[in-house]
Amino acid sequence: MIKVKVIRDSDGFIREFTVTGHAGYSRRGRDIVCAAVSALAYAAAGALEELAGIKGYTERDGYMRCAVPKEIPAEKKETARTILETVVLGLKQVELGYEKYVSVLDKEVLTDD
């Protein structure tokens, strides 16, 4: 199962998301669930870098983490918010269709400290 964890600050802003695991829906190269989640995660990382100038993702087999620095200009933060909220919405849509293969945990877990 793919597990997506979304971490928000006390204002509801997405500070990071992690994607771990493998869907197991089909064999490698034919797994549409894995492809959907991967496409969304990489789109987020690419859009953050290209549109907001935010670099900051880590990846390896079965793992991806994308984080936004705490101190960023307001304009970049709003661009990042739009990108990340859209991607999380997409991930939740995949979860709705394939709940045995994808789990999205979206909670406020960070304080402003």
PDB file of N, CA and C in Angstrom:
ATOM      1  N   MET A   1       0.842  -1.188   0.000  1.00  0.00           N
ATOM      2  CA  MET A   1       0.000   0.000   0.000  1.00  0.00           C
ATOM      3  C   MET A   1       0.881   1.243   0.000  1.00  0.00           C
ATOM      4  N   ILE A   2       0.442   2.250  -0.750  1.00  0.00           N
ATOM      5  CA  ILE A   2       1.106   3.547  -0.730  1.00  0.00           C
ATOM      6  C   ILE A   2       0.489   4.366   0.391  1.00  0.00           C
ATOM      7  N   LYS A   3       1.339   4.948   1.219  1.00  0.00           N
ATOM      8  CA  LYS A   3       0.866   5.822   2.290  1.00  0.00           C
ATOM      9  C   LYS A   3       1.371   7.233   2.030  1.00  0.00           C
ATOM     10  N   VAL A   4       0.444   8.172   2.034  1.00  0.00           N
ATOM     11  CA  VAL A   4       0.776   9.580   1.850  1.00  0.00           C
ATOM     12  C   VAL A   4       0.498  10.281   3.168  1.00  0.00           C
ATOM     13  N   LYS A   5       1.492  10.998   3.664  1.00  0.00           N
ATOM     14  CA  LYS A   5       1.309  11.766   4.895  1.00  0.00           C
ATOM     15  C   LYS A   5       1.510  13.239   4.562  1.00  0.00           C
ATOM     16  N   VAL A   6       0.487  14.033   4.858  1.00  0.00           N
ATOM     17  CA  VAL A   6       0.513  15.470   4.606  1.00  0.00           C
ATOM     18  C   VAL A   6       0.668  16.164   5.951  1.00  0.00           C
ATOM     19  N   ILE A   7       1.665  17.029   6.062  1.00  0.00           N
ATOM     20  CA  ILE A   7       1.919  17.735   7.313  1.00  0.00           C
ATOM     21  C   ILE A   7       1.627  19.213   7.099  1.00  0.00           C
ATOM     22  N   ARG A   8       0.723  19.727   7.923  1.00  0.00           N
ATOM     23  CA  ARG A   8       0.313  21.132   7.850  1.00  0.00           C
ATOM     24  C   ARG A   8       0.752  21.864   9.108  1.00  0.00           C
ATOM     25  N   ASP A   9       0.944  23.177   8.976  1.00  0.00           N
ATOM     26  CA  ASP A   9       1.222  23.976  10.161  1.00  0.00           C
ATOM     27  C   ASP A   9      -0.099  24.424  10.782  1.00  0.00           C
ATOM     28  N   SER A  10      -0.023  25.213  11.839  1.00  0.00           N
ATOM     29  CA  SER A  10      -1.242  25.612  12.553  1.00  0.00           C
ATOM     30  C   SER A  10      -2.149  26.514  11.724  1.00  0.00           C
ATOM     31  N   ASP A  11      -1.628  27.078  10.633  1.00  0.00           N
ATOM     32  CA  ASP A  11      -2.453  27.882   9.721  1.00  0.00           C
ATOM     33  C   ASP A  11      -3.058  27.045   8.601  1.00  0.00           C
ATOM     34  N   GLY A  12      -2.790  25.750   8.618  1.00  0.00           N
ATOM     35  CA  GLY A  12      -3.320  24.869   7.586  1.00  0.00           C
ATOM     36  C   GLY A  12      -2.459  24.787   6.337  1.00  0.00           C
ATOM     37  N   PHE A  13      -1.322  25.483   6.340  1.00  0.00           N
ATOM     38  CA  PHE A  13      -0.431  25.459   5.180  1.00  0.00           C
ATOM     39  C   PHE A  13       0.329  24.135   5.142  1.00  0.00           C
ATOM     40  N   ILE A  14       0.388  23.512   3.972  1.00  0.00           N
ATOM     41  CA  ILE A  14       1.090  22.241   3.826  1.00  0.00           C
ATOM     42  C   ILE A  14       2.592  22.507   3.836  1.00  0.00           C
ATOM     43  N   ARG A  15       3.257  21.998   4.846  1.00  0.00           N
ATOM     44  CA  ARG A  15       4.703  22.162   4.979  1.00  0.00           C
ATOM     45  C   ARG A  15       5.470  21.060   4.268  1.00  0.00           C
ATOM     46  N   GLU A  16       4.886  19.875   4.232  1.00  0.00           N
ATOM     47  CA  GLU A  16       5.541  18.766   3.540  1.00  0.00           C
ATOM     48  C   GLU A  16       4.563  17.633   3.305  1.00  0.00           C
ATOM     49  N   PHE A  17       4.933  16.783   2.375  1.00  0.00           N
ATOM     50  CA  PHE A  17       4.217  15.527   2.223  1.00  0.00           C
ATOM     51  C   PHE A  17       5.240  14.435   1.939  1.00  0.00           C
ATOM     52  N   THR A  18       4.911  13.230   2.406  1.00  0.00           N
ATOM     53  CA  THR A  18       5.749  12.073   2.122  1.00  0.00           C
ATOM     54  C   THR A  18       4.887  11.001   1.478  1.00  0.00           C
ATOM     55  N   VAL A  19       5.491  10.277   0.579  1.00  0.00           N
ATOM     56  CA  VAL A  19       4.843   9.155  -0.092  1.00  0.00           C
ATOM     57  C   VAL A  19       5.746   7.956   0.149  1.00  0.00           C
ATOM     58  N   THR A  20       5.189   6.893   0.742  1.00  0.00           N
ATOM     59  CA  THR A  20       5.982   5.700   1.023  1.00  0.00           C
ATOM     60  C   THR A  20       5.244   4.453   0.565  1.00  0.00           C
ATOM     61  N   GLY A  21       6.019   3.446   0.215  1.00  0.00           N
ATOM     62  CA  GLY A  21       5.459   2.151  -0.120  1.00  0.00           C
ATOM     63  C   GLY A  21       5.186   1.964  -1.601  1.00  0.00           C
ATOM     64  N   HIS A  22       4.589   0.829  -1.884  1.00  0.00           N
ATOM     65  CA  HIS A  22       4.228   0.451  -3.247  1.00  0.00           C
ATOM     66  C   HIS A  22       2.755   0.055  -3.249  1.00  0.00           C
ATOM     67  N   ALA A  23       2.061   0.386  -4.319  1.00  0.00           N
ATOM     68  CA  ALA A  23       0.620   0.137  -4.381  1.00  0.00           C
ATOM     69  C   ALA A  23       0.297  -1.354  -4.387  1.00  0.00           C
ATOM     70  N   GLY A  24       1.002  -2.116  -5.197  1.00  0.00           N
ATOM     71  CA  GLY A  24       0.691  -3.540  -5.302  1.00  0.00           C
ATOM     72  C   GLY A  24      -0.568  -3.817  -6.099  1.00  0.00           C
ATOM     73  N   TYR A  25      -1.016  -2.847  -6.867  1.00  0.00           N
ATOM     74  CA  TYR A  25      -2.223  -3.022  -7.683  1.00  0.00           C
ATOM     75  C   TYR A  25      -1.950  -3.947  -8.862  1.00  0.00           C
ATOM     76  N   SER A  26      -0.778  -3.820  -9.442  1.00  0.00           N
ATOM     77  CA  SER A  26      -0.379  -4.635 -10.584  1.00  0.00           C
ATOM     78  C   SER A  26       1.139  -4.746 -10.569  1.00  0.00           C
ATOM     79  N   ARG A  27       1.682  -5.458 -11.533  1.00  0.00           N
ATOM     80  CA  ARG A  27       3.139  -5.629 -11.569  1.00  0.00           C
ATOM     81  C   ARG A  27       3.829  -4.330 -11.983  1.00  0.00           C
ATOM     82  N   ARG A  28       5.092  -4.263 -11.700  1.00  0.00           N
ATOM     83  CA  ARG A  28       5.903  -3.081 -12.014  1.00  0.00           C
ATOM     84  C   ARG A  28       5.775  -2.737 -13.501  1.00  0.00           C
ATOM     85  N   GLY A  29       5.568  -1.459 -13.761  1.00  0.00           N
ATOM     86  CA  GLY A  29       5.412  -1.000 -15.136  1.00  0.00           C
ATOM     87  C   GLY A  29       3.979  -1.013 -15.633  1.00  0.00           C
ATOM     88  N   ARG A  30       3.088  -1.646 -14.880  1.00  0.00           N
ATOM     89  CA  ARG A  30       1.675  -1.718 -15.264  1.00  0.00           C
ATOM     90  C   ARG A  30       0.741  -1.272 -14.143  1.00  0.00           C
ATOM     91  N   ASP A  31       1.317  -0.753 -13.088  1.00  0.00           N
ATOM     92  CA  ASP A  31       0.538  -0.378 -11.906  1.00  0.00           C
ATOM     93  C   ASP A  31       0.007   1.050 -12.071  1.00  0.00           C
ATOM     94  N   ILE A  32      -1.274   1.154 -12.429  1.00  0.00           N
ATOM     95  CA  ILE A  32      -1.862   2.475 -12.681  1.00  0.00           C
ATOM     96  C   ILE A  32      -1.989   3.303 -11.408  1.00  0.00           C
ATOM     97  N   VAL A  33      -2.133   2.655 -10.277  1.00  0.00           N
ATOM     98  CA  VAL A  33      -2.230   3.385  -9.011  1.00  0.00           C
ATOM     99  C   VAL A  33      -0.878   4.019  -8.684  1.00  0.00           C
ATOM    100  N   CYS A  34       0.173   3.240  -8.817  1.00  0.00           N
ATOM    101  CA  CYS A  34       1.520   3.770  -8.600  1.00  0.00           C
ATOM    102  C   CYS A  34       1.803   4.907  -9.576  1.00  0.00           C
ATOM    103  N   ALA A  35       1.421   4.725 -10.821  1.00  0.00           N
ATOM    104  CA  ALA A  35       1.662   5.755 -11.833  1.00  0.00           C
ATOM    105  C   ALA A  35       0.925   7.045 -11.498  1.00  0.00           C
ATOM    106  N   ALA A  36      -0.306   6.930 -11.038  1.00  0.00           N
ATOM    107  CA  ALA A  36      -1.092   8.122 -10.696  1.00  0.00           C
ATOM    108  C   ALA A  36      -0.468   8.876  -9.525  1.00  0.00           C
ATOM    109  N   VAL A  37      -0.126   8.157  -8.477  1.00  0.00           N
ATOM    110  CA  VAL A  37       0.469   8.790  -7.295  1.00  0.00           C
ATOM    111  C   VAL A  37       1.833   9.388  -7.641  1.00  0.00           C
ATOM    112  N   SER A  38       2.635   8.650  -8.383  1.00  0.00           N
ATOM    113  CA  SER A  38       3.950   9.156  -8.780  1.00  0.00           C
ATOM    114  C   SER A  38       3.830  10.412  -9.628  1.00  0.00           C
ATOM    115  N   ALA A  39       2.913  10.405 -10.583  1.00  0.00           N
ATOM    116  CA  ALA A  39       2.734  11.575 -11.448  1.00  0.00           C
ATOM    117  C   ALA A  39       2.353  12.802 -10.632  1.00  0.00           C
ATOM    118  N   LEU A  40       1.454  12.636  -9.680  1.00  0.00           N
ATOM    119  CA  LEU A  40       1.045  13.762  -8.840  1.00  0.00           C
ATOM    120  C   LEU A  40       2.197  14.260  -7.968  1.00  0.00           C
ATOM    121  N   ALA A  41       2.921  13.339  -7.357  1.00  0.00           N
ATOM    122  CA  ALA A  41       4.027  13.727  -6.473  1.00  0.00           C
ATOM    123  C   ALA A  41       5.133  14.440  -7.247  1.00  0.00           C
ATOM    124  N   TYR A  42       5.497  13.900  -8.394  1.00  0.00           N
ATOM    125  CA  TYR A  42       6.545  14.541  -9.196  1.00  0.00           C
ATOM    126  C   TYR A  42       6.069  15.854  -9.802  1.00  0.00           C
ATOM    127  N   ALA A  43       4.794  15.942 -10.131  1.00  0.00           N
ATOM    128  CA  ALA A  43       4.247  17.212 -10.624  1.00  0.00           C
ATOM    129  C   ALA A  43       4.350  18.279  -9.539  1.00  0.00           C
ATOM    130  N   ALA A  44       4.057  17.906  -8.303  1.00  0.00           N
ATOM    131  CA  ALA A  44       4.172  18.858  -7.191  1.00  0.00           C
ATOM    132  C   ALA A  44       5.608  19.340  -7.042  1.00  0.00           C
ATOM    133  N   ALA A  45       6.548  18.406  -7.026  1.00  0.00           N
ATOM    134  CA  ALA A  45       7.958  18.773  -6.862  1.00  0.00           C
ATOM    135  C   ALA A  45       8.426  19.658  -8.011  1.00  0.00           C
ATOM    136  N   GLY A  46       8.056  19.304  -9.223  1.00  0.00           N
ATOM    137  CA  GLY A  46       8.457  20.094 -10.381  1.00  0.00           C
ATOM    138  C   GLY A  46       7.835  21.472 -10.396  1.00  0.00           C
ATOM    139  N   ALA A  47       6.551  21.545 -10.065  1.00  0.00           N
ATOM    140  CA  ALA A  47       5.858  22.836 -10.047  1.00  0.00           C
ATOM    141  C   ALA A  47       6.395  23.738  -8.940  1.00  0.00           C
ATOM    142  N   LEU A  48       6.681  23.166  -7.784  1.00  0.00           N
ATOM    143  CA  LEU A  48       7.255  23.972  -6.703  1.00  0.00           C
ATOM    144  C   LEU A  48       8.584  24.587  -7.137  1.00  0.00           C
ATOM    145  N   GLU A  49       9.390  23.798  -7.823  1.00  0.00           N
ATOM    146  CA  GLU A  49      10.689  24.309  -8.262  1.00  0.00           C
ATOM    147  C   GLU A  49      10.539  25.334  -9.391  1.00  0.00           C
ATOM    148  N   GLU A  50       9.747  25.011 -10.398  1.00  0.00           N
ATOM    149  CA  GLU A  50       9.625  25.880 -11.575  1.00  0.00           C
ATOM    150  C   GLU A  50       8.795  27.139 -11.325  1.00  0.00           C
ATOM    151  N   LEU A  51       7.707  27.003 -10.587  1.00  0.00           N
ATOM    152  CA  LEU A  51       6.779  28.123 -10.421  1.00  0.00           C
ATOM    153  C   LEU A  51       7.001  28.936  -9.151  1.00  0.00           C
ATOM    154  N   ALA A  52       7.513  28.275  -8.105  1.00  0.00           N
ATOM    155  CA  ALA A  52       7.699  28.978  -6.835  1.00  0.00           C
ATOM    156  C   ALA A  52       9.169  29.104  -6.439  1.00  0.00           C
ATOM    157  N   GLY A  53      10.052  28.491  -7.216  1.00  0.00           N
ATOM    158  CA  GLY A  53      11.476  28.566  -6.895  1.00  0.00           C
ATOM    159  C   GLY A  53      11.859  27.814  -5.637  1.00  0.00           C
ATOM    160  N   ILE A  54      11.062  26.810  -5.280  1.00  0.00           N
ATOM    161  CA  ILE A  54      11.303  26.041  -4.060  1.00  0.00           C
ATOM    162  C   ILE A  54      11.852  24.671  -4.436  1.00  0.00           C
ATOM    163  N   LYS A  55      13.100  24.443  -4.056  1.00  0.00           N
ATOM    164  CA  LYS A  55      13.710  23.135  -4.286  1.00  0.00           C
ATOM    165  C   LYS A  55      13.694  22.405  -2.957  1.00  0.00           C
ATOM    166  N   GLY A  56      13.427  21.147  -3.001  1.00  0.00           N
ATOM    167  CA  GLY A  56      13.435  20.447  -1.727  1.00  0.00           C
ATOM    168  C   GLY A  56      12.681  19.146  -1.721  1.00  0.00           C
ATOM    169  N   TYR A  57      13.059  18.232  -2.616  1.00  0.00           N
ATOM    170  CA  TYR A  57      12.454  16.916  -2.499  1.00  0.00           C
ATOM    171  C   TYR A  57      13.542  15.863  -2.479  1.00  0.00           C
ATOM    172  N   THR A  58      13.225  14.771  -1.803  1.00  0.00           N
ATOM    173  CA  THR A  58      14.123  13.639  -1.655  1.00  0.00           C
ATOM    174  C   THR A  58      13.385  12.416  -2.152  1.00  0.00           C
ATOM    175  N   GLU A  59      14.090  11.540  -2.828  1.00  0.00           N
ATOM    176  CA  GLU A  59      13.442  10.326  -3.310  1.00  0.00           C
ATOM    177  C   GLU A  59      14.391   9.139  -3.282  1.00  0.00           C
ATOM    178  N   ARG A  60      13.804   7.986  -3.181  1.00  0.00           N
ATOM    179  CA  ARG A  60      14.476   6.702  -3.370  1.00  0.00           C
ATOM    180  C   ARG A  60      13.363   5.692  -3.628  1.00  0.00           C
ATOM    181  N   ASP A  61      13.696   4.475  -3.876  1.00  0.00           N
ATOM    182  CA  ASP A  61      12.683   3.475  -4.206  1.00  0.00           C
ATOM    183  C   ASP A  61      11.619   3.384  -3.114  1.00  0.00           C
ATOM    184  N   GLY A  62      10.390   3.645  -3.485  1.00  0.00           N
ATOM    185  CA  GLY A  62       9.285   3.544  -2.542  1.00  0.00           C
ATOM    186  C   GLY A  62       9.178   4.686  -1.553  1.00  0.00           C
ATOM    187  N   TYR A  63       9.858   5.791  -1.821  1.00  0.00           N
ATOM    188  CA  TYR A  63       9.835   6.917  -0.878  1.00  0.00           C
ATOM    189  C   TYR A  63      10.045   8.232  -1.619  1.00  0.00           C
ATOM    190  N   MET A  64       9.244   9.233  -1.247  1.00  0.00           N
ATOM    191  CA  MET A  64       9.460  10.598  -1.718  1.00  0.00           C
ATOM    192  C   MET A  64       9.007  11.549  -0.620  1.00  0.00           C
ATOM    193  N   ARG A  65       9.808  12.581  -0.388  1.00  0.00           N
ATOM    194  CA  ARG A  65       9.462  13.629   0.574  1.00  0.00           C
ATOM    195  C   ARG A  65       9.655  14.965  -0.114  1.00  0.00           C
ATOM    196  N   CYS A  66       8.657  15.809   0.008  1.00  0.00           N
ATOM    197  CA  CYS A  66       8.699  17.143  -0.577  1.00  0.00           C
ATOM    198  C   CYS A  66       8.368  18.126   0.538  1.00  0.00           C
ATOM    199  N   ALA A  67       9.268  19.097   0.769  1.00  0.00           N
ATOM    200  CA  ALA A  67       9.085  20.026   1.885  1.00  0.00           C
ATOM    201  C   ALA A  67       9.231  21.470   1.428  1.00  0.00           C
ATOM    202  N   VAL A  68       8.504  22.345   2.109  1.00  0.00           N
ATOM    203  CA  VAL A  68       8.551  23.782   1.853  1.00  0.00           C
ATOM    204  C   VAL A  68       9.229  24.437   3.054  1.00  0.00           C
ATOM    205  N   PRO A  69      10.239  25.285   2.816  1.00  0.00           N
ATOM    206  CA  PRO A  69      10.902  25.962   3.936  1.00  0.00           C
ATOM    207  C   PRO A  69       9.915  26.810   4.738  1.00  0.00           C
ATOM    208  N   LYS A  70      10.208  26.974   6.012  1.00  0.00           N
ATOM    209  CA  LYS A  70       9.317  27.762   6.870  1.00  0.00           C
ATOM    210  C   LYS A  70       9.276  29.228   6.457  1.00  0.00           C
ATOM    211  N   GLU A  71      10.413  29.781   6.145  1.00  0.00           N
ATOM    212  CA  GLU A  71      10.487  31.199   5.788  1.00  0.00           C
ATOM    213  C   GLU A  71      10.575  31.359   4.272  1.00  0.00           C
ATOM    214  N   ILE A  72       9.458  31.718   3.656  1.00  0.00           N
ATOM    215  CA  ILE A  72       9.445  32.011   2.222  1.00  0.00           C
ATOM    216  C   ILE A  72       8.593  33.257   1.993  1.00  0.00           C
ATOM    217  N   PRO A  73       8.869  34.006   0.932  1.00  0.00           N
ATOM    218  CA  PRO A  73       8.073  35.199   0.642  1.00  0.00           C
ATOM    219  C   PRO A  73       6.597  34.855   0.428  1.00  0.00           C
ATOM    220  N   ALA A  74       5.726  35.793   0.772  1.00  0.00           N
ATOM    221  CA  ALA A  74       4.276  35.573   0.695  1.00  0.00           C
ATOM    222  C   ALA A  74       3.826  35.138  -0.694  1.00  0.00           C
ATOM    223  N   GLU A  75       4.374  35.743  -1.732  1.00  0.00           N
ATOM    224  CA  GLU A  75       3.972  35.392  -3.096  1.00  0.00           C
ATOM    225  C   GLU A  75       4.312  33.933  -3.419  1.00  0.00           C
ATOM    226  N   LYS A  76       5.506  33.511  -3.036  1.00  0.00           N
ATOM    227  CA  LYS A  76       5.909  32.123  -3.265  1.00  0.00           C
ATOM    228  C   LYS A  76       5.075  31.171  -2.417  1.00  0.00           C
ATOM    229  N   LYS A  77       4.721  31.612  -1.217  1.00  0.00           N
ATOM    230  CA  LYS A  77       3.919  30.766  -0.334  1.00  0.00           C
ATOM    231  C   LYS A  77       2.542  30.518  -0.939  1.00  0.00           C
ATOM    232  N   GLU A  78       1.938  31.539  -1.522  1.00  0.00           N
ATOM    233  CA  GLU A  78       0.616  31.365  -2.136  1.00  0.00           C
ATOM    234  C   GLU A  78       0.688  30.464  -3.362  1.00  0.00           C
ATOM    235  N   THR A  79       1.749  30.598  -4.133  1.00  0.00           N
ATOM    236  CA  THR A  79       1.941  29.698  -5.275  1.00  0.00           C
ATOM    237  C   THR A  79       2.098  28.268  -4.783  1.00  0.00           C
ATOM    238  N   ALA A  80       2.914  28.079  -3.747  1.00  0.00           N
ATOM    239  CA  ALA A  80       3.115  26.748  -3.173  1.00  0.00           C
ATOM    240  C   ALA A  80       1.806  26.193  -2.624  1.00  0.00           C
ATOM    241  N   ARG A  81       1.011  27.043  -1.974  1.00  0.00           N
ATOM    242  CA  ARG A  81      -0.273  26.600  -1.419  1.00  0.00           C
ATOM    243  C   ARG A  81      -1.169  26.046  -2.527  1.00  0.00           C
ATOM    244  N   THR A  82      -1.267  26.769  -3.618  1.00  0.00           N
ATOM    245  CA  THR A  82      -2.116  26.333  -4.730  1.00  0.00           C
ATOM    246  C   THR A  82      -1.636  24.999  -5.292  1.00  0.00           C
ATOM    247  N   ILE A  83      -0.345  24.884  -5.503  1.00  0.00           N
ATOM    248  CA  ILE A  83       0.221  23.640  -6.034  1.00  0.00           C
ATOM    249  C   ILE A  83      -0.055  22.479  -5.090  1.00  0.00           C
ATOM    250  N   LEU A  84       0.282  22.653  -3.822  1.00  0.00           N
ATOM    251  CA  LEU A  84       0.169  21.553  -2.863  1.00  0.00           C
ATOM    252  C   LEU A  84      -1.273  21.163  -2.581  1.00  0.00           C
ATOM    253  N   GLU A  85      -2.167  22.130  -2.457  1.00  0.00           N
ATOM    254  CA  GLU A  85      -3.577  21.796  -2.221  1.00  0.00           C
ATOM    255  C   GLU A  85      -4.157  21.039  -3.415  1.00  0.00           C
ATOM    256  N   THR A  86      -3.763  21.435  -4.621  1.00  0.00           N
ATOM    257  CA  THR A  86      -4.239  20.746  -5.821  1.00  0.00           C
ATOM    258  C   THR A  86      -3.733  19.312  -5.857  1.00  0.00           C
ATOM    259  N   VAL A  87      -2.463  19.121  -5.542  1.00  0.00           N
ATOM    260  CA  VAL A  87      -1.893  17.779  -5.556  1.00  0.00           C
ATOM    261  C   VAL A  87      -2.519  16.901  -4.475  1.00  0.00           C
ATOM    262  N   VAL A  88      -2.708  17.443  -3.288  1.00  0.00           N
ATOM    263  CA  VAL A  88      -3.334  16.654  -2.220  1.00  0.00           C
ATOM    264  C   VAL A  88      -4.764  16.278  -2.604  1.00  0.00           C
ATOM    265  N   LEU A  89      -5.488  17.185  -3.217  1.00  0.00           N
ATOM    266  CA  LEU A  89      -6.829  16.863  -3.708  1.00  0.00           C
ATOM    267  C   LEU A  89      -6.762  15.706  -4.706  1.00  0.00           C
ATOM    268  N   GLY A  90      -5.808  15.758  -5.630  1.00  0.00           N
ATOM    269  CA  GLY A  90      -5.637  14.672  -6.595  1.00  0.00           C
ATOM    270  C   GLY A  90      -5.308  13.354  -5.921  1.00  0.00           C
ATOM    271  N   LEU A  91      -4.435  13.378  -4.927  1.00  0.00           N
ATOM    272  CA  LEU A  91      -4.087  12.159  -4.196  1.00  0.00           C
ATOM    273  C   LEU A  91      -5.297  11.585  -3.465  1.00  0.00           C
ATOM    274  N   LYS A  92      -6.119  12.452  -2.904  1.00  0.00           N
ATOM    275  CA  LYS A  92      -7.334  11.989  -2.226  1.00  0.00           C
ATOM    276  C   LYS A  92      -8.325  11.387  -3.219  1.00  0.00           C
ATOM    277  N   GLN A  93      -8.359  11.905  -4.429  1.00  0.00           N
ATOM    278  CA  GLN A  93      -9.228  11.337  -5.461  1.00  0.00           C
ATOM    279  C   GLN A  93      -8.753   9.934  -5.847  1.00  0.00           C
ATOM    280  N   VAL A  94      -7.453   9.748  -5.944  1.00  0.00           N
ATOM    281  CA  VAL A  94      -6.913   8.415  -6.217  1.00  0.00           C
ATOM    282  C   VAL A  94      -7.272   7.482  -5.065  1.00  0.00           C
ATOM    283  N   GLU A  95      -7.145   7.973  -3.841  1.00  0.00           N
ATOM    284  CA  GLU A  95      -7.494   7.165  -2.668  1.00  0.00           C
ATOM    285  C   GLU A  95      -8.957   6.735  -2.717  1.00  0.00           C
ATOM    286  N   LEU A  96      -9.845   7.625  -3.110  1.00  0.00           N
ATOM    287  CA  LEU A  96     -11.269   7.278  -3.185  1.00  0.00           C
ATOM    288  C   LEU A  96     -11.527   6.121  -4.142  1.00  0.00           C
ATOM    289  N   GLY A  97     -10.812   6.102  -5.241  1.00  0.00           N
ATOM    290  CA  GLY A  97     -11.013   5.043  -6.225  1.00  0.00           C
ATOM    291  C   GLY A  97     -10.255   3.765  -5.931  1.00  0.00           C
ATOM    292  N   TYR A  98      -9.207   3.860  -5.129  1.00  0.00           N
ATOM    293  CA  TYR A  98      -8.323   2.711  -4.889  1.00  0.00           C
ATOM    294  C   TYR A  98      -7.920   2.638  -3.424  1.00  0.00           C
ATOM    295  N   GLU A  99      -8.911   2.656  -2.538  1.00  0.00           N
ATOM    296  CA  GLU A  99      -8.627   2.736  -1.099  1.00  0.00           C
ATOM    297  C   GLU A  99      -7.860   1.539  -0.545  1.00  0.00           C
ATOM    298  N   LYS A 100      -7.866   0.418  -1.243  1.00  0.00           N
ATOM    299  CA  LYS A 100      -7.078  -0.735  -0.794  1.00  0.00           C
ATOM    300  C   LYS A 100      -5.593  -0.561  -1.098  1.00  0.00           C
ATOM    301  N   TYR A 101      -5.282   0.425  -1.935  1.00  0.00           N
ATOM    302  CA  TYR A 101      -3.915   0.581  -2.422  1.00  0.00           C
ATOM    303  C   TYR A 101      -3.259   1.907  -2.051  1.00  0.00           C
ATOM    304  N   VAL A 102      -4.075   2.887  -1.634  1.00  0.00           N
ATOM    305  CA  VAL A 102      -3.562   4.215  -1.282  1.00  0.00           C
ATOM    306  C   VAL A 102      -4.261   4.716  -0.029  1.00  0.00           C
ATOM    307  N   SER A 103      -3.482   5.275   0.888  1.00  0.00           N
ATOM    308  CA  SER A 103      -4.028   5.894   2.091  1.00  0.00           C
ATOM    309  C   SER A 103      -3.421   7.285   2.230  1.00  0.00           C
ATOM    310  N   VAL A 104      -4.279   8.297   2.397  1.00  0.00           N
ATOM    311  CA  VAL A 104      -3.812   9.672   2.564  1.00  0.00           C
ATOM    312  C   VAL A 104      -4.175  10.142   3.968  1.00  0.00           C
ATOM    313  N   LEU A 105      -3.165  10.485   4.750  1.00  0.00           N
ATOM    314  CA  LEU A 105      -3.354  11.041   6.088  1.00  0.00           C
ATOM    315  C   LEU A 105      -3.043  12.527   5.997  1.00  0.00           C
ATOM    316  N   ASP A 106      -4.037  13.348   6.241  1.00  0.00           N
ATOM    317  CA  ASP A 106      -3.900  14.803   6.096  1.00  0.00           C
ATOM    318  C   ASP A 106      -4.317  15.435   7.414  1.00  0.00           C
ATOM    319  N   LYS A 107      -3.316  15.827   8.211  1.00  0.00           N
ATOM    320  CA  LYS A 107      -3.610  16.370   9.536  1.00  0.00           C
ATOM    321  C   LYS A 107      -2.694  17.536   9.858  1.00  0.00           C
ATOM    322  N   GLU A 108      -3.199  18.392  10.722  1.00  0.00           N
ATOM    323  CA  GLU A 108      -2.349  19.453  11.268  1.00  0.00           C
ATOM    324  C   GLU A 108      -1.501  18.825  12.361  1.00  0.00           C
ATOM    325  N   VAL A 109      -0.209  18.843  12.172  1.00  0.00           N
ATOM    326  CA  VAL A 109       0.659  18.225  13.172  1.00  0.00           C
ATOM    327  C   VAL A 109       1.804  19.118  13.614  1.00  0.00           C
ATOM    328  N   LEU A 110       2.036  20.214  12.928  1.00  0.00           N
ATOM    329  CA  LEU A 110       3.126  21.110  13.312  1.00  0.00           C
ATOM    330  C   LEU A 110       2.593  22.336  14.029  1.00  0.00           C
ATOM    331  N   THR A 111       3.352  22.807  14.986  1.00  0.00           N
ATOM    332  CA  THR A 111       3.041  24.089  15.607  1.00  0.00           C
ATOM    333  C   THR A 111       3.935  25.137  14.967  1.00  0.00           C
ATOM    334  N   ASP A 112       3.720  26.384  15.295  1.00  0.00           N
ATOM    335  CA  ASP A 112       4.519  27.455  14.706  1.00  0.00           C
ATOM    336  C   ASP A 112       5.879  27.623  15.365  1.00  0.00           C
ATOM    337  N   ASP A 113       6.180  26.824  16.360  1.00  0.00           N
ATOM    338  CA  ASP A 113       7.467  26.938  17.078  1.00  0.00           C
ATOM    339  C   ASP A 113       8.631  26.629  16.174  1.00  0.00           C
TER     340      ASP A 113
END
